[in-house]
Full PDB file with SEQRES, HELIX, SHEET, SSBOND, CRYST1, ORIGX, SCALE, CONECT and MASTER records, all heavy atoms in Angstrom:
SEQRES   1 A   45  ASP CYS HIS GLN SER VAL VAL GLY ALA LEU TYR ALA LEU          
SEQRES   2 A   45  LEU ARG GLU LEU THR ARG GLN THR ALA LEU GLY GLY VAL          
SEQRES   3 A   45  VAL ARG LEU SER PRO LEU ASP VAL TYR LEU ASP ALA VAL          
SEQRES   4 A   45  ASN VAL VAL GLN PRO ASP                                      
HELIX    1 AA1 CYS A    2  GLN A   20  1                                  19    
SHEET    1 AA1 2 VAL A  34  ASP A  37  0                                        
SHEET    2 AA1 2 ASN A  40  VAL A  42 -1                                        
CRYST1    1.000    1.000    1.000  90.00  90.00  90.00 P 1           1          
ORIGX1      1.000000  0.000000  0.000000        0.00000                         
ORIGX2      0.000000  1.000000  0.000000        0.00000                         
ORIGX3      0.000000  0.000000  1.000000        0.00000                         
SCALE1      1.000000  0.000000  0.000000        0.00000                         
SCALE2      0.000000  1.000000  0.000000        0.00000                         
SCALE3      0.000000  0.000000  1.000000        0.00000                         
ATOM      1  N   ASP A   1    -173.450  34.564 -92.409  1.00  0.00           N  
ATOM      2  CA  ASP A   1    -172.044  34.187 -92.134  1.00  0.00           C  
ATOM      3  C   ASP A   1    -171.604  34.652 -90.694  1.00  0.00           C  
ATOM      4  O   ASP A   1    -171.105  34.018 -89.902  1.00  0.00           O  
ATOM      5  CB  ASP A   1    -171.087  34.504 -93.162  1.00  0.00           C  
ATOM      6  CG  ASP A   1    -169.698  34.056 -92.787  1.00  0.00           C  
ATOM      7  OD1 ASP A   1    -169.358  32.911 -92.999  1.00  0.00           O  
ATOM      8  OD2 ASP A   1    -168.821  34.956 -92.295  1.00  0.00           O  
ATOM      9  N   CYS A   2    -171.887  36.006 -90.491  1.00  0.00           N  
ATOM     10  CA  CYS A   2    -171.472  36.649 -89.112  1.00  0.00           C  
ATOM     11  C   CYS A   2    -172.205  35.911 -88.025  1.00  0.00           C  
ATOM     12  O   CYS A   2    -171.607  35.615 -86.974  1.00  0.00           O  
ATOM     13  CB  CYS A   2    -171.748  38.131 -89.287  1.00  0.00           C  
ATOM     14  SG  CYS A   2    -171.369  38.986 -87.727  1.00  0.00           S  
ATOM     15  N   HIS A   3    -173.493  35.704 -88.246  1.00  0.00           N  
ATOM     16  CA  HIS A   3    -174.302  35.040 -87.215  1.00  0.00           C  
ATOM     17  C   HIS A   3    -173.759  33.590 -86.882  1.00  0.00           C  
ATOM     18  O   HIS A   3    -173.514  33.268 -85.737  1.00  0.00           O  
ATOM     19  CB  HIS A   3    -175.758  34.968 -87.730  1.00  0.00           C  
ATOM     20  CG  HIS A   3    -176.699  34.275 -86.816  1.00  0.00           C  
ATOM     21  ND1 HIS A   3    -176.790  32.851 -86.626  1.00  0.00           N  
ATOM     22  CD2 HIS A   3    -177.601  34.719 -86.037  1.00  0.00           C  
ATOM     23  CE1 HIS A   3    -177.728  32.539 -85.800  1.00  0.00           C  
ATOM     24  NE2 HIS A   3    -178.203  33.734 -85.260  1.00  0.00           N  
ATOM     25  N   GLN A   4    -173.429  32.833 -88.009  1.00  0.00           N  
ATOM     26  CA  GLN A   4    -172.890  31.517 -87.698  1.00  0.00           C  
ATOM     27  C   GLN A   4    -171.545  31.496 -87.160  1.00  0.00           C  
ATOM     28  O   GLN A   4    -171.199  30.537 -86.412  1.00  0.00           O  
ATOM     29  CB  GLN A   4    -172.951  30.761 -89.116  1.00  0.00           C  
ATOM     30  CG  GLN A   4    -174.374  30.526 -89.592  1.00  0.00           C  
ATOM     31  CD  GLN A   4    -175.178  29.739 -88.476  1.00  0.00           C  
ATOM     32  OE1 GLN A   4    -175.880  30.320 -87.699  1.00  0.00           O  
ATOM     33  NE2 GLN A   4    -175.258  28.442 -88.626  1.00  0.00           N  
ATOM     34  N   SER A   5    -170.708  32.500 -87.431  1.00  0.00           N  
ATOM     35  CA  SER A   5    -169.409  32.498 -86.845  1.00  0.00           C  
ATOM     36  C   SER A   5    -169.520  32.741 -85.333  1.00  0.00           C  
ATOM     37  O   SER A   5    -168.791  32.049 -84.611  1.00  0.00           O  
ATOM     38  CB  SER A   5    -168.688  33.805 -87.457  1.00  0.00           C  
ATOM     39  OG  SER A   5    -167.471  33.952 -86.733  1.00  0.00           O  
ATOM     40  N   VAL A   6    -170.421  33.499 -84.871  1.00  0.00           N  
ATOM     41  CA  VAL A   6    -170.660  33.738 -83.490  1.00  0.00           C  
ATOM     42  C   VAL A   6    -171.302  32.500 -82.824  1.00  0.00           C  
ATOM     43  O   VAL A   6    -170.810  32.058 -81.646  1.00  0.00           O  
ATOM     44  CB  VAL A   6    -171.483  35.014 -83.105  1.00  0.00           C  
ATOM     45  CG1 VAL A   6    -171.772  35.057 -81.630  1.00  0.00           C  
ATOM     46  CG2 VAL A   6    -170.750  36.284 -83.568  1.00  0.00           C  
ATOM     47  N   VAL A   7    -172.151  31.819 -83.453  1.00  0.00           N  
ATOM     48  CA  VAL A   7    -172.777  30.644 -83.004  1.00  0.00           C  
ATOM     49  C   VAL A   7    -171.590  29.590 -82.770  1.00  0.00           C  
ATOM     50  O   VAL A   7    -171.608  28.874 -81.865  1.00  0.00           O  
ATOM     51  CB  VAL A   7    -173.887  30.071 -83.973  1.00  0.00           C  
ATOM     52  CG1 VAL A   7    -174.219  28.585 -83.580  1.00  0.00           C  
ATOM     53  CG2 VAL A   7    -175.034  30.991 -83.906  1.00  0.00           C  
ATOM     54  N   GLY A   8    -170.712  29.491 -83.767  1.00  0.00           N  
ATOM     55  CA  GLY A   8    -169.714  28.458 -83.699  1.00  0.00           C  
ATOM     56  C   GLY A   8    -168.706  28.748 -82.553  1.00  0.00           C  
ATOM     57  O   GLY A   8    -168.277  27.919 -81.849  1.00  0.00           O  
ATOM     58  N   ALA A   9    -168.444  30.049 -82.355  1.00  0.00           N  
ATOM     59  CA  ALA A   9    -167.580  30.423 -81.337  1.00  0.00           C  
ATOM     60  C   ALA A   9    -168.203  30.159 -79.879  1.00  0.00           C  
ATOM     61  O   ALA A   9    -167.443  29.675 -78.953  1.00  0.00           O  
ATOM     62  CB  ALA A   9    -167.155  31.979 -81.398  1.00  0.00           C  
ATOM     63  N   LEU A  10    -169.395  30.357 -79.740  1.00  0.00           N  
ATOM     64  CA  LEU A  10    -170.138  30.120 -78.477  1.00  0.00           C  
ATOM     65  C   LEU A  10    -170.200  28.619 -78.309  1.00  0.00           C  
ATOM     66  O   LEU A  10    -169.986  28.124 -77.180  1.00  0.00           O  
ATOM     67  CB  LEU A  10    -171.507  30.663 -78.513  1.00  0.00           C  
ATOM     68  CG  LEU A  10    -171.770  32.084 -78.417  1.00  0.00           C  
ATOM     69  CD1 LEU A  10    -173.104  32.586 -78.854  1.00  0.00           C  
ATOM     70  CD2 LEU A  10    -171.531  32.492 -76.911  1.00  0.00           C  
ATOM     71  N   TYR A  11    -170.409  27.845 -79.267  1.00  0.00           N  
ATOM     72  CA  TYR A  11    -170.515  26.437 -79.182  1.00  0.00           C  
ATOM     73  C   TYR A  11    -169.023  25.869 -78.690  1.00  0.00           C  
ATOM     74  O   TYR A  11    -168.982  25.082 -77.743  1.00  0.00           O  
ATOM     75  CB  TYR A  11    -170.832  25.791 -80.493  1.00  0.00           C  
ATOM     76  CG  TYR A  11    -170.766  24.317 -80.501  1.00  0.00           C  
ATOM     77  CD1 TYR A  11    -171.858  23.453 -79.859  1.00  0.00           C  
ATOM     78  CD2 TYR A  11    -169.764  23.549 -81.081  1.00  0.00           C  
ATOM     79  CE1 TYR A  11    -171.904  22.118 -79.799  1.00  0.00           C  
ATOM     80  CE2 TYR A  11    -169.828  22.169 -81.073  1.00  0.00           C  
ATOM     81  CZ  TYR A  11    -170.767  21.448 -80.605  1.00  0.00           C  
ATOM     82  OH  TYR A  11    -170.694  20.098 -80.558  1.00  0.00           O  
ATOM     83  N   ALA A  12    -168.081  26.310 -79.370  1.00  0.00           N  
ATOM     84  CA  ALA A  12    -166.689  25.890 -78.990  1.00  0.00           C  
ATOM     85  C   ALA A  12    -166.422  26.331 -77.569  1.00  0.00           C  
ATOM     86  O   ALA A  12    -165.729  25.462 -76.782  1.00  0.00           O  
ATOM     87  CB  ALA A  12    -165.716  26.586 -80.071  1.00  0.00           C  
ATOM     88  N   LEU A  13    -166.803  27.562 -77.201  1.00  0.00           N  
ATOM     89  CA  LEU A  13    -166.494  28.009 -75.830  1.00  0.00           C  
ATOM     90  C   LEU A  13    -167.134  27.173 -74.821  1.00  0.00           C  
ATOM     91  O   LEU A  13    -166.555  26.834 -73.681  1.00  0.00           O  
ATOM     92  CB  LEU A  13    -166.893  29.442 -75.714  1.00  0.00           C  
ATOM     93  CG  LEU A  13    -166.750  30.139 -74.362  1.00  0.00           C  
ATOM     94  CD1 LEU A  13    -165.170  30.130 -73.949  1.00  0.00           C  
ATOM     95  CD2 LEU A  13    -167.250  31.570 -74.359  1.00  0.00           C  
ATOM     96  N   LEU A  14    -168.430  26.853 -75.058  1.00  0.00           N  
ATOM     97  CA  LEU A  14    -169.171  26.142 -74.036  1.00  0.00           C  
ATOM     98  C   LEU A  14    -168.611  24.654 -73.970  1.00  0.00           C  
ATOM     99  O   LEU A  14    -168.572  24.098 -72.878  1.00  0.00           O  
ATOM    100  CB  LEU A  14    -170.668  26.035 -74.283  1.00  0.00           C  
ATOM    101  CG  LEU A  14    -171.553  27.221 -73.990  1.00  0.00           C  
ATOM    102  CD1 LEU A  14    -172.969  26.918 -74.266  1.00  0.00           C  
ATOM    103  CD2 LEU A  14    -171.396  27.474 -72.465  1.00  0.00           C  
ATOM    104  N   ARG A  15    -168.248  24.033 -75.048  1.00  0.00           N  
ATOM    105  CA  ARG A  15    -167.718  22.801 -75.033  1.00  0.00           C  
ATOM    106  C   ARG A  15    -166.376  22.687 -74.222  1.00  0.00           C  
ATOM    107  O   ARG A  15    -166.225  21.727 -73.476  1.00  0.00           O  
ATOM    108  CB  ARG A  15    -167.361  22.336 -76.530  1.00  0.00           C  
ATOM    109  CG  ARG A  15    -168.569  22.135 -77.425  1.00  0.00           C  
ATOM    110  CD  ARG A  15    -168.981  20.646 -77.407  1.00  0.00           C  
ATOM    111  NE  ARG A  15    -168.057  19.906 -78.100  1.00  0.00           N  
ATOM    112  CZ  ARG A  15    -168.251  18.545 -78.490  1.00  0.00           C  
ATOM    113  NH1 ARG A  15    -169.371  17.902 -78.082  1.00  0.00           N  
ATOM    114  NH2 ARG A  15    -167.346  17.825 -79.133  1.00  0.00           N  
ATOM    115  N   GLU A  16    -165.598  23.760 -74.343  1.00  0.00           N  
ATOM    116  CA  GLU A  16    -164.362  23.861 -73.638  1.00  0.00           C  
ATOM    117  C   GLU A  16    -164.632  24.050 -72.144  1.00  0.00           C  
ATOM    118  O   GLU A  16    -163.966  23.330 -71.287  1.00  0.00           O  
ATOM    119  CB  GLU A  16    -163.530  25.005 -74.078  1.00  0.00           C  
ATOM    120  CG  GLU A  16    -162.139  25.121 -73.471  1.00  0.00           C  
ATOM    121  CD  GLU A  16    -161.363  26.344 -74.010  1.00  0.00           C  
ATOM    122  OE1 GLU A  16    -161.839  26.985 -74.856  1.00  0.00           O  
ATOM    123  OE2 GLU A  16    -160.205  26.458 -73.508  1.00  0.00           O  
ATOM    124  N   LEU A  17    -165.530  24.907 -71.781  1.00  0.00           N  
ATOM    125  CA  LEU A  17    -165.823  25.156 -70.409  1.00  0.00           C  
ATOM    126  C   LEU A  17    -166.380  23.916 -69.721  1.00  0.00           C  
ATOM    127  O   LEU A  17    -166.103  23.663 -68.564  1.00  0.00           O  
ATOM    128  CB  LEU A  17    -166.849  26.310 -70.206  1.00  0.00           C  
ATOM    129  CG  LEU A  17    -166.334  27.760 -70.551  1.00  0.00           C  
ATOM    130  CD1 LEU A  17    -167.408  28.715 -70.560  1.00  0.00           C  
ATOM    131  CD2 LEU A  17    -165.235  28.112 -69.513  1.00  0.00           C  
ATOM    132  N   THR A  18    -167.225  23.259 -70.345  1.00  0.00           N  
ATOM    133  CA  THR A  18    -167.881  22.034 -69.749  1.00  0.00           C  
ATOM    134  C   THR A  18    -167.103  20.810 -69.699  1.00  0.00           C  
ATOM    135  O   THR A  18    -167.311  20.003 -68.820  1.00  0.00           O  
ATOM    136  CB  THR A  18    -169.292  21.803 -70.421  1.00  0.00           C  
ATOM    137  OG1 THR A  18    -169.034  21.548 -71.817  1.00  0.00           O  
ATOM    138  CG2 THR A  18    -170.295  22.940 -70.268  1.00  0.00           C  
ATOM    139  N   ARG A  19    -166.241  20.702 -70.767  1.00  0.00           N  
ATOM    140  CA  ARG A  19    -165.320  19.504 -70.683  1.00  0.00           C  
ATOM    141  C   ARG A  19    -164.090  19.678 -69.961  1.00  0.00           C  
ATOM    142  O   ARG A  19    -163.676  18.737 -69.161  1.00  0.00           O  
ATOM    143  CB  ARG A  19    -164.926  19.147 -72.172  1.00  0.00           C  
ATOM    144  CG  ARG A  19    -166.128  18.632 -73.054  1.00  0.00           C  
ATOM    145  CD  ARG A  19    -165.747  18.167 -74.292  1.00  0.00           C  
ATOM    146  NE  ARG A  19    -166.792  17.339 -75.009  1.00  0.00           N  
ATOM    147  CZ  ARG A  19    -166.644  16.677 -76.124  1.00  0.00           C  
ATOM    148  NH1 ARG A  19    -165.524  16.673 -76.840  1.00  0.00           N  
ATOM    149  NH2 ARG A  19    -167.706  16.037 -76.634  1.00  0.00           N  
ATOM    150  N   GLN A  20    -163.372  20.702 -70.013  1.00  0.00           N  
ATOM    151  CA  GLN A  20    -162.021  20.828 -69.355  1.00  0.00           C  
ATOM    152  C   GLN A  20    -162.213  21.146 -67.896  1.00  0.00           C  
ATOM    153  O   GLN A  20    -161.358  20.853 -67.157  1.00  0.00           O  
ATOM    154  CB  GLN A  20    -161.247  22.037 -70.015  1.00  0.00           C  
ATOM    155  CG  GLN A  20    -160.823  21.817 -71.387  1.00  0.00           C  
ATOM    156  CD  GLN A  20    -159.836  22.779 -71.915  1.00  0.00           C  
ATOM    157  OE1 GLN A  20    -159.581  23.787 -71.243  1.00  0.00           O  
ATOM    158  NE2 GLN A  20    -159.419  22.572 -73.123  1.00  0.00           N  
ATOM    159  N   THR A  21    -163.438  21.548 -67.439  1.00  0.00           N  
ATOM    160  CA  THR A  21    -163.609  21.723 -65.993  1.00  0.00           C  
ATOM    161  C   THR A  21    -164.454  20.652 -65.441  1.00  0.00           C  
ATOM    162  O   THR A  21    -164.872  20.831 -64.269  1.00  0.00           O  
ATOM    163  CB  THR A  21    -164.325  23.165 -65.881  1.00  0.00           C  
ATOM    164  OG1 THR A  21    -165.660  23.142 -66.412  1.00  0.00           O  
ATOM    165  CG2 THR A  21    -163.638  24.331 -66.414  1.00  0.00           C  
ATOM    166  N   ALA A  22    -164.753  19.648 -66.194  1.00  0.00           N  
ATOM    167  CA  ALA A  22    -165.514  18.501 -65.687  1.00  0.00           C  
ATOM    168  C   ALA A  22    -166.917  18.787 -65.281  1.00  0.00           C  
ATOM    169  O   ALA A  22    -167.462  18.059 -64.526  1.00  0.00           O  
ATOM    170  CB  ALA A  22    -164.731  17.853 -64.440  1.00  0.00           C  
ATOM    171  N   LEU A  23    -167.374  19.905 -65.771  1.00  0.00           N  
ATOM    172  CA  LEU A  23    -168.766  20.254 -65.535  1.00  0.00           C  
ATOM    173  C   LEU A  23    -169.747  19.272 -66.219  1.00  0.00           C  
ATOM    174  O   LEU A  23    -170.820  18.964 -65.557  1.00  0.00           O  
ATOM    175  CB  LEU A  23    -169.108  21.684 -65.978  1.00  0.00           C  
ATOM    176  CG  LEU A  23    -170.419  22.166 -65.735  1.00  0.00           C  
ATOM    177  CD1 LEU A  23    -170.743  22.386 -64.186  1.00  0.00           C  
ATOM    178  CD2 LEU A  23    -170.605  23.567 -66.377  1.00  0.00           C  
ATOM    179  N   GLY A  24    -169.461  18.755 -67.312  1.00  0.00           N  
ATOM    180  CA  GLY A  24    -170.163  17.771 -68.135  1.00  0.00           C  
ATOM    181  C   GLY A  24    -171.434  18.438 -68.724  1.00  0.00           C  
ATOM    182  O   GLY A  24    -171.522  19.614 -68.900  1.00  0.00           O  
ATOM    183  N   GLY A  25    -172.415  17.531 -69.010  1.00  0.00           N  
ATOM    184  CA  GLY A  25    -173.542  17.923 -69.692  1.00  0.00           C  
ATOM    185  C   GLY A  25    -173.438  17.909 -71.244  1.00  0.00           C  
ATOM    186  O   GLY A  25    -172.415  17.405 -71.672  1.00  0.00           O  
ATOM    187  N   VAL A  26    -174.425  18.297 -71.869  1.00  0.00           N  
ATOM    188  CA  VAL A  26    -174.491  18.317 -73.333  1.00  0.00           C  
ATOM    189  C   VAL A  26    -174.606  19.627 -73.948  1.00  0.00           C  
ATOM    190  O   VAL A  26    -175.492  20.568 -73.511  1.00  0.00           O  
ATOM    191  CB  VAL A  26    -175.679  17.512 -73.839  1.00  0.00           C  
ATOM    192  CG1 VAL A  26    -175.738  17.454 -75.363  1.00  0.00           C  
ATOM    193  CG2 VAL A  26    -175.521  16.027 -73.370  1.00  0.00           C  
ATOM    194  N   VAL A  27    -173.727  20.065 -74.903  1.00  0.00           N  
ATOM    195  CA  VAL A  27    -173.878  21.268 -75.611  1.00  0.00           C  
ATOM    196  C   VAL A  27    -174.372  21.094 -77.050  1.00  0.00           C  
ATOM    197  O   VAL A  27    -173.908  20.121 -77.744  1.00  0.00           O  
ATOM    198  CB  VAL A  27    -172.521  22.042 -75.782  1.00  0.00           C  
ATOM    199  CG1 VAL A  27    -172.668  23.390 -76.470  1.00  0.00           C  
ATOM    200  CG2 VAL A  27    -171.884  22.234 -74.348  1.00  0.00           C  
ATOM    201  N   ARG A  28    -175.389  21.772 -77.466  1.00  0.00           N  
ATOM    202  CA  ARG A  28    -175.898  21.589 -78.812  1.00  0.00           C  
ATOM    203  C   ARG A  28    -176.098  22.952 -79.483  1.00  0.00           C  
ATOM    204  O   ARG A  28    -176.248  23.993 -78.861  1.00  0.00           O  
ATOM    205  CB  ARG A  28    -177.246  20.835 -78.765  1.00  0.00           C  
ATOM    206  CG  ARG A  28    -177.174  19.395 -78.369  1.00  0.00           C  
ATOM    207  CD  ARG A  28    -176.431  18.519 -79.380  1.00  0.00           C  
ATOM    208  NE  ARG A  28    -176.347  17.239 -79.072  1.00  0.00           N  
ATOM    209  CZ  ARG A  28    -175.264  16.543 -78.390  1.00  0.00           C  
ATOM    210  NH1 ARG A  28    -174.142  17.412 -78.118  1.00  0.00           N  
ATOM    211  NH2 ARG A  28    -175.243  15.283 -78.094  1.00  0.00           N  
ATOM    212  N   LEU A  29    -176.238  23.015 -80.831  1.00  0.00           N  
ATOM    213  CA  LEU A  29    -176.524  24.203 -81.553  1.00  0.00           C  
ATOM    214  C   LEU A  29    -177.588  24.016 -82.582  1.00  0.00           C  
ATOM    215  O   LEU A  29    -177.858  22.833 -82.895  1.00  0.00           O  
ATOM    216  CB  LEU A  29    -175.130  24.761 -82.126  1.00  0.00           C  
ATOM    217  CG  LEU A  29    -174.607  23.988 -83.424  1.00  0.00           C  
ATOM    218  CD1 LEU A  29    -173.530  24.875 -83.995  1.00  0.00           C  
ATOM    219  CD2 LEU A  29    -173.926  22.701 -82.955  1.00  0.00           C  
ATOM    220  N   SER A  30    -178.098  25.097 -83.080  1.00  0.00           N  
ATOM    221  CA  SER A  30    -179.266  25.061 -83.987  1.00  0.00           C  
ATOM    222  C   SER A  30    -178.649  24.653 -85.424  1.00  0.00           C  
ATOM    223  O   SER A  30    -177.470  24.802 -85.760  1.00  0.00           O  
ATOM    224  CB  SER A  30    -179.914  26.427 -84.127  1.00  0.00           C  
ATOM    225  OG  SER A  30    -178.987  27.381 -84.622  1.00  0.00           O  
ATOM    226  N   PRO A  31    -179.521  24.128 -86.181  1.00  0.00           N  
ATOM    227  CA  PRO A  31    -180.945  23.904 -85.975  1.00  0.00           C  
ATOM    228  C   PRO A  31    -181.304  22.537 -85.355  1.00  0.00           C  
ATOM    229  O   PRO A  31    -180.932  21.520 -85.852  1.00  0.00           O  
ATOM    230  CB  PRO A  31    -181.623  23.903 -87.395  1.00  0.00           C  
ATOM    231  CG  PRO A  31    -180.440  23.358 -88.267  1.00  0.00           C  
ATOM    232  CD  PRO A  31    -179.172  23.799 -87.605  1.00  0.00           C  
ATOM    233  N   LEU A  32    -181.866  22.588 -84.128  1.00  0.00           N  
ATOM    234  CA  LEU A  32    -182.305  21.529 -83.338  1.00  0.00           C  
ATOM    235  C   LEU A  32    -183.504  21.903 -82.528  1.00  0.00           C  
ATOM    236  O   LEU A  32    -183.382  22.861 -81.711  1.00  0.00           O  
ATOM    237  CB  LEU A  32    -181.098  20.946 -82.479  1.00  0.00           C  
ATOM    238  CG  LEU A  32    -181.445  19.778 -81.705  1.00  0.00           C  
ATOM    239  CD1 LEU A  32    -181.830  18.595 -82.486  1.00  0.00           C  
ATOM    240  CD2 LEU A  32    -180.215  19.440 -80.800  1.00  0.00           C  
ATOM    241  N   ASP A  33    -184.594  21.222 -82.651  1.00  0.00           N  
ATOM    242  CA  ASP A  33    -185.804  21.567 -81.869  1.00  0.00           C  
ATOM    243  C   ASP A  33    -185.705  21.179 -80.373  1.00  0.00           C  
ATOM    244  O   ASP A  33    -185.058  20.107 -80.033  1.00  0.00           O  
ATOM    245  CB  ASP A  33    -187.041  20.714 -82.418  1.00  0.00           C  
ATOM    246  CG  ASP A  33    -187.422  21.238 -83.903  1.00  0.00           C  
ATOM    247  OD1 ASP A  33    -187.001  22.314 -84.264  1.00  0.00           O  
ATOM    248  OD2 ASP A  33    -188.097  20.446 -84.644  1.00  0.00           O  
ATOM    249  N   VAL A  34    -186.153  22.180 -79.580  1.00  0.00           N  
ATOM    250  CA  VAL A  34    -186.401  21.957 -78.198  1.00  0.00           C  
ATOM    251  C   VAL A  34    -187.833  22.150 -77.935  1.00  0.00           C  
ATOM    252  O   VAL A  34    -188.410  23.220 -78.126  1.00  0.00           O  
ATOM    253  CB  VAL A  34    -185.570  22.937 -77.369  1.00  0.00           C  
ATOM    254  CG1 VAL A  34    -185.811  22.718 -75.854  1.00  0.00           C  
ATOM    255  CG2 VAL A  34    -184.118  22.762 -77.641  1.00  0.00           C  
ATOM    256  N   TYR A  35    -188.523  21.163 -77.467  1.00  0.00           N  
ATOM    257  CA  TYR A  35    -190.020  21.198 -77.101  1.00  0.00           C  
ATOM    258  C   TYR A  35    -190.173  21.657 -75.720  1.00  0.00           C  
ATOM    259  O   TYR A  35    -189.890  20.981 -74.785  1.00  0.00           O  
ATOM    260  CB  TYR A  35    -190.522  19.778 -77.282  1.00  0.00           C  
ATOM    261  CG  TYR A  35    -190.706  19.341 -78.821  1.00  0.00           C  
ATOM    262  CD1 TYR A  35    -189.689  19.059 -79.598  1.00  0.00           C  
ATOM    263  CD2 TYR A  35    -192.000  19.302 -79.377  1.00  0.00           C  
ATOM    264  CE1 TYR A  35    -189.729  18.658 -80.848  1.00  0.00           C  
ATOM    265  CE2 TYR A  35    -192.132  18.908 -80.688  1.00  0.00           C  
ATOM    266  CZ  TYR A  35    -191.081  18.550 -81.359  1.00  0.00           C  
ATOM    267  OH  TYR A  35    -191.208  18.250 -82.801  1.00  0.00           O  
ATOM    268  N   LEU A  36    -190.603  22.846 -75.662  1.00  0.00           N  
ATOM    269  CA  LEU A  36    -190.852  23.456 -74.337  1.00  0.00           C  
ATOM    270  C   LEU A  36    -192.093  23.035 -73.646  1.00  0.00           C  
ATOM    271  O   LEU A  36    -192.274  22.764 -72.455  1.00  0.00           O  
ATOM    272  CB  LEU A  36    -190.673  24.957 -74.266  1.00  0.00           C  
ATOM    273  CG  LEU A  36    -189.326  25.605 -74.682  1.00  0.00           C  
ATOM    274  CD1 LEU A  36    -189.454  27.152 -74.809  1.00  0.00           C  
ATOM    275  CD2 LEU A  36    -188.378  25.143 -73.699  1.00  0.00           C  
ATOM    276  N   ASP A  37    -193.189  23.088 -74.487  1.00  0.00           N  
ATOM    277  CA  ASP A  37    -194.533  22.600 -73.995  1.00  0.00           C  
ATOM    278  C   ASP A  37    -195.427  22.205 -75.142  1.00  0.00           C  
ATOM    279  O   ASP A  37    -194.874  22.066 -76.325  1.00  0.00           O  
ATOM    280  CB  ASP A  37    -195.247  23.650 -73.170  1.00  0.00           C  
ATOM    281  CG  ASP A  37    -195.317  25.100 -73.858  1.00  0.00           C  
ATOM    282  OD1 ASP A  37    -195.664  24.989 -75.123  1.00  0.00           O  
ATOM    283  OD2 ASP A  37    -195.094  26.136 -73.250  1.00  0.00           O  
ATOM    284  N   ALA A  38    -196.699  22.147 -75.061  1.00  0.00           N  
ATOM    285  CA  ALA A  38    -197.558  21.669 -76.060  1.00  0.00           C  
ATOM    286  C   ALA A  38    -197.726  22.528 -77.224  1.00  0.00           C  
ATOM    287  O   ALA A  38    -198.236  22.130 -78.297  1.00  0.00           O  
ATOM    288  CB  ALA A  38    -199.013  21.341 -75.396  1.00  0.00           C  
ATOM    289  N   VAL A  39    -197.357  23.784 -77.037  1.00  0.00           N  
ATOM    290  CA  VAL A  39    -197.527  24.689 -78.202  1.00  0.00           C  
ATOM    291  C   VAL A  39    -196.250  25.605 -78.543  1.00  0.00           C  
ATOM    292  O   VAL A  39    -196.414  26.459 -79.349  1.00  0.00           O  
ATOM    293  CB  VAL A  39    -198.740  25.717 -77.927  1.00  0.00           C  
ATOM    294  CG1 VAL A  39    -200.128  24.926 -78.018  1.00  0.00           C  
ATOM    295  CG2 VAL A  39    -198.520  26.451 -76.685  1.00  0.00           C  
ATOM    296  N   ASN A  40    -195.165  25.209 -77.940  1.00  0.00           N  
ATOM    297  CA  ASN A  40    -193.892  25.958 -78.182  1.00  0.00           C  
ATOM    298  C   ASN A  40    -192.768  24.976 -78.495  1.00  0.00           C  
ATOM    299  O   ASN A  40    -192.450  24.165 -77.631  1.00  0.00           O  
ATOM    300  CB  ASN A  40    -193.590  26.880 -77.016  1.00  0.00           C  
ATOM    301  CG  ASN A  40    -194.618  27.895 -76.897  1.00  0.00           C  
ATOM    302  OD1 ASN A  40    -194.606  28.941 -77.673  1.00  0.00           O  
ATOM    303  ND2 ASN A  40    -195.480  27.944 -75.901  1.00  0.00           N  
ATOM    304  N   VAL A  41    -192.121  25.124 -79.593  1.00  0.00           N  
ATOM    305  CA  VAL A  41    -191.009  24.246 -80.028  1.00  0.00           C  
ATOM    306  C   VAL A  41    -190.026  25.367 -80.558  1.00  0.00           C  
ATOM    307  O   VAL A  41    -190.244  26.069 -81.608  1.00  0.00           O  
ATOM    308  CB  VAL A  41    -191.425  23.294 -81.119  1.00  0.00           C  
ATOM    309  CG1 VAL A  41    -190.141  22.514 -81.456  1.00  0.00           C  
ATOM    310  CG2 VAL A  41    -192.501  22.413 -80.624  1.00  0.00           C  
ATOM    311  N   VAL A  42    -188.847  25.545 -79.869  1.00  0.00           N  
ATOM    312  CA  VAL A  42    -187.937  26.526 -80.282  1.00  0.00           C  
ATOM    313  C   VAL A  42    -186.664  25.914 -80.831  1.00  0.00           C  
ATOM    314  O   VAL A  42    -186.314  24.743 -80.618  1.00  0.00           O  
ATOM    315  CB  VAL A  42    -187.657  27.517 -79.090  1.00  0.00           C  
ATOM    316  CG1 VAL A  42    -188.897  28.370 -78.762  1.00  0.00           C  
ATOM    317  CG2 VAL A  42    -187.162  26.805 -77.924  1.00  0.00           C  
ATOM    318  N   GLN A  43    -185.761  26.706 -81.440  1.00  0.00           N  
ATOM    319  CA  GLN A  43    -184.480  26.291 -81.881  1.00  0.00           C  
ATOM    320  C   GLN A  43    -183.469  27.393 -81.208  1.00  0.00           C  
ATOM    321  O   GLN A  43    -182.988  28.249 -81.999  1.00  0.00           O  
ATOM    322  CB  GLN A  43    -184.380  26.244 -83.385  1.00  0.00           C  
ATOM    323  CG  GLN A  43    -185.113  25.103 -83.956  1.00  0.00           C  
ATOM    324  CD  GLN A  43    -184.950  24.946 -85.459  1.00  0.00           C  
ATOM    325  OE1 GLN A  43    -184.285  25.742 -86.112  1.00  0.00           O  
ATOM    326  NE2 GLN A  43    -185.355  23.892 -86.003  1.00  0.00           N  
ATOM    327  N   PRO A  44    -183.016  27.223 -80.081  1.00  0.00           N  
ATOM    328  CA  PRO A  44    -182.011  28.135 -79.595  1.00  0.00           C  
ATOM    329  C   PRO A  44    -180.693  28.087 -80.396  1.00  0.00           C  
ATOM    330  O   PRO A  44    -180.389  27.005 -80.941  1.00  0.00           O  
ATOM    331  CB  PRO A  44    -181.752  27.727 -78.085  1.00  0.00           C  
ATOM    332  CG  PRO A  44    -182.991  26.815 -77.869  1.00  0.00           C  
ATOM    333  CD  PRO A  44    -183.364  26.204 -79.065  1.00  0.00           C  
ATOM    334  N   ASP A  45    -179.997  29.050 -80.601  1.00  0.00           N  
ATOM    335  CA  ASP A  45    -178.799  29.153 -81.427  1.00  0.00           C  
ATOM    336  C   ASP A  45    -177.806  28.116 -80.665  1.00  0.00           C  
ATOM    337  O   ASP A  45    -177.143  27.420 -81.402  1.00  0.00           O  
ATOM    338  CB  ASP A  45    -178.203  30.454 -81.562  1.00  0.00           C  
ATOM    339  CG  ASP A  45    -179.014  31.306 -82.521  1.00  0.00           C  
ATOM    340  OD1 ASP A  45    -179.337  30.822 -83.543  1.00  0.00           O  
ATOM    341  OD2 ASP A  45    -179.246  32.465 -82.186  1.00  0.00           O  
TER     342      ASP A  45                                                      
MASTER        0    0    0    1    2    0    0    6  341    1    0    4          
END                                                                             
């Protein structure tokens, strides 16, 4: 629960920073696969 609380706070913070400042882009949180190369697939928090 503690881990997910911090993940949620980070997600909310990044959403605010990127939306309210018109920086744009996409914010995502785990579990979601990111394919880095042919042998590495990670799930950043």
